[in-house]
Amino acid sequence: MVQAPAFSKRSLNAKKRNAWITGFSIGYMKQAKDKVIVDQYKLTGGTFGMIIDLGYNIGLSENLSMGFQPGFISWFLTQDDVNKA
């Protein structure tokens, strides 16, 4: 879960049909996972991190487009808590 403002920019081509989309976010990230290896436990932690997106939309018609937008998430977790469930 990310608690941060996100900024996005869309750049249209000359015909205004296709577009590049970029996104950036920096802020607080929180992670919580339930795991079972031998015993059930919950792993939680939080830190600051960032997300970067880059995508491309292809115009199929005047009101419809299809695209892809992969993203990169990076954070450095210095401490976590492990609780037995």
Protein backbone atom coordinates (compact mmCIF):
# COMPACT_ATOMS: atom_id res chain seq x y z
CA MET A 1 0.00 0.00 0.00
CA VAL A 2 1.34 3.41 -0.94
CA GLN A 3 0.34 6.61 0.82
CA ALA A 4 1.70 9.30 -1.45
CA PRO A 5 0.71 11.84 -4.08
CA ALA A 6 1.08 10.63 -7.65
CA PHE A 7 1.92 12.78 -10.67
CA SER A 8 1.13 11.72 -14.25
CA LYS A 9 1.76 13.27 -17.67
CA ARG A 10 0.21 12.31 -20.99
CA SER A 11 1.92 13.37 -24.24
CA LEU A 12 -0.21 12.97 -27.38
CA ASN A 13 1.25 12.44 -30.84
CA ALA A 14 0.59 14.90 -33.70
CA LYS A 15 -2.68 13.17 -34.72
CA LYS A 16 -3.78 13.08 -31.05
CA ARG A 17 -4.52 9.37 -31.34
CA ASN A 18 -1.60 7.70 -29.50
CA ALA A 19 0.01 8.85 -26.26
CA TRP A 20 2.99 8.29 -23.97
CA ILE A 21 2.08 8.21 -20.28
CA THR A 22 4.59 8.75 -17.47
CA GLY A 23 3.97 8.65 -13.75
CA PHE A 24 5.93 9.31 -10.59
CA SER A 25 5.14 8.93 -6.91
CA ILE A 26 7.24 9.21 -3.76
CA GLY A 27 6.03 8.68 -0.21
CA TYR A 28 5.35 6.19 2.57
CA MET A 29 4.93 2.50 1.69
CA LYS A 30 3.46 -0.11 4.00
CA GLN A 31 3.58 -3.86 3.58
CA ALA A 32 1.68 -6.58 5.45
CA LYS A 33 1.73 -10.26 4.48
CA ASP A 34 0.30 -13.38 6.08
CA LYS A 35 2.65 -16.35 5.64
CA VAL A 36 2.70 -20.01 6.58
CA ILE A 37 5.97 -21.96 6.51
CA VAL A 38 5.77 -24.15 9.62
CA ASP A 39 3.64 -21.87 11.77
CA GLN A 40 1.36 -19.07 10.60
CA TYR A 41 2.78 -15.57 11.08
CA LYS A 42 2.26 -11.99 9.88
CA LEU A 43 5.08 -9.82 8.51
CA THR A 44 4.60 -6.03 8.61
CA GLY A 45 6.84 -3.06 7.87
CA GLY A 46 6.90 0.41 6.40
CA THR A 47 9.37 2.86 4.86
CA PHE A 48 9.70 5.58 2.23
CA GLY A 49 9.86 4.57 -1.42
CA MET A 50 9.05 5.57 -4.98
CA ILE A 51 7.10 4.36 -8.00
CA ILE A 52 7.91 5.15 -11.64
CA ASP A 53 5.55 4.26 -14.54
CA LEU A 54 5.99 4.46 -18.30
CA GLY A 55 3.25 3.49 -20.71
CA TYR A 56 1.90 3.87 -24.22
CA ASN A 57 -1.72 4.09 -25.41
CA ILE A 58 -2.73 3.19 -28.96
CA GLY A 59 -5.92 4.78 -30.27
CA LEU A 60 -8.29 2.18 -31.71
CA SER A 61 -11.10 4.62 -32.48
CA GLU A 62 -12.10 8.15 -31.49
CA ASN A 63 -13.32 7.08 -28.03
CA LEU A 64 -11.35 3.88 -27.39
CA SER A 65 -7.67 3.14 -26.82
CA MET A 66 -5.59 0.21 -25.65
CA GLY A 67 -2.29 0.45 -23.85
CA PHE A 68 0.30 -0.95 -21.51
CA GLN A 69 1.96 0.72 -18.54
CA PRO A 70 4.66 -1.19 -16.64
CA GLY A 71 5.85 0.27 -13.36
CA PHE A 72 8.89 0.06 -11.11
CA ILE A 73 8.50 0.10 -7.31
CA SER A 74 11.53 0.65 -5.09
CA TRP A 75 11.90 0.90 -1.33
CA PHE A 76 14.41 -0.02 1.33
CA LEU A 77 12.91 -1.72 4.38
CA THR A 78 15.23 -1.27 7.38
CA GLN A 79 13.06 -2.99 10.01
CA ASP A 80 10.07 -5.32 10.02
CA ASP A 81 7.85 -6.93 12.65
CA VAL A 82 7.04 -10.63 12.73
CA ASN A 83 3.97 -11.61 14.77
CA LYS A 84 2.75 -15.14 15.30
CA ALA A 85 -0.89 -15.41 14.27
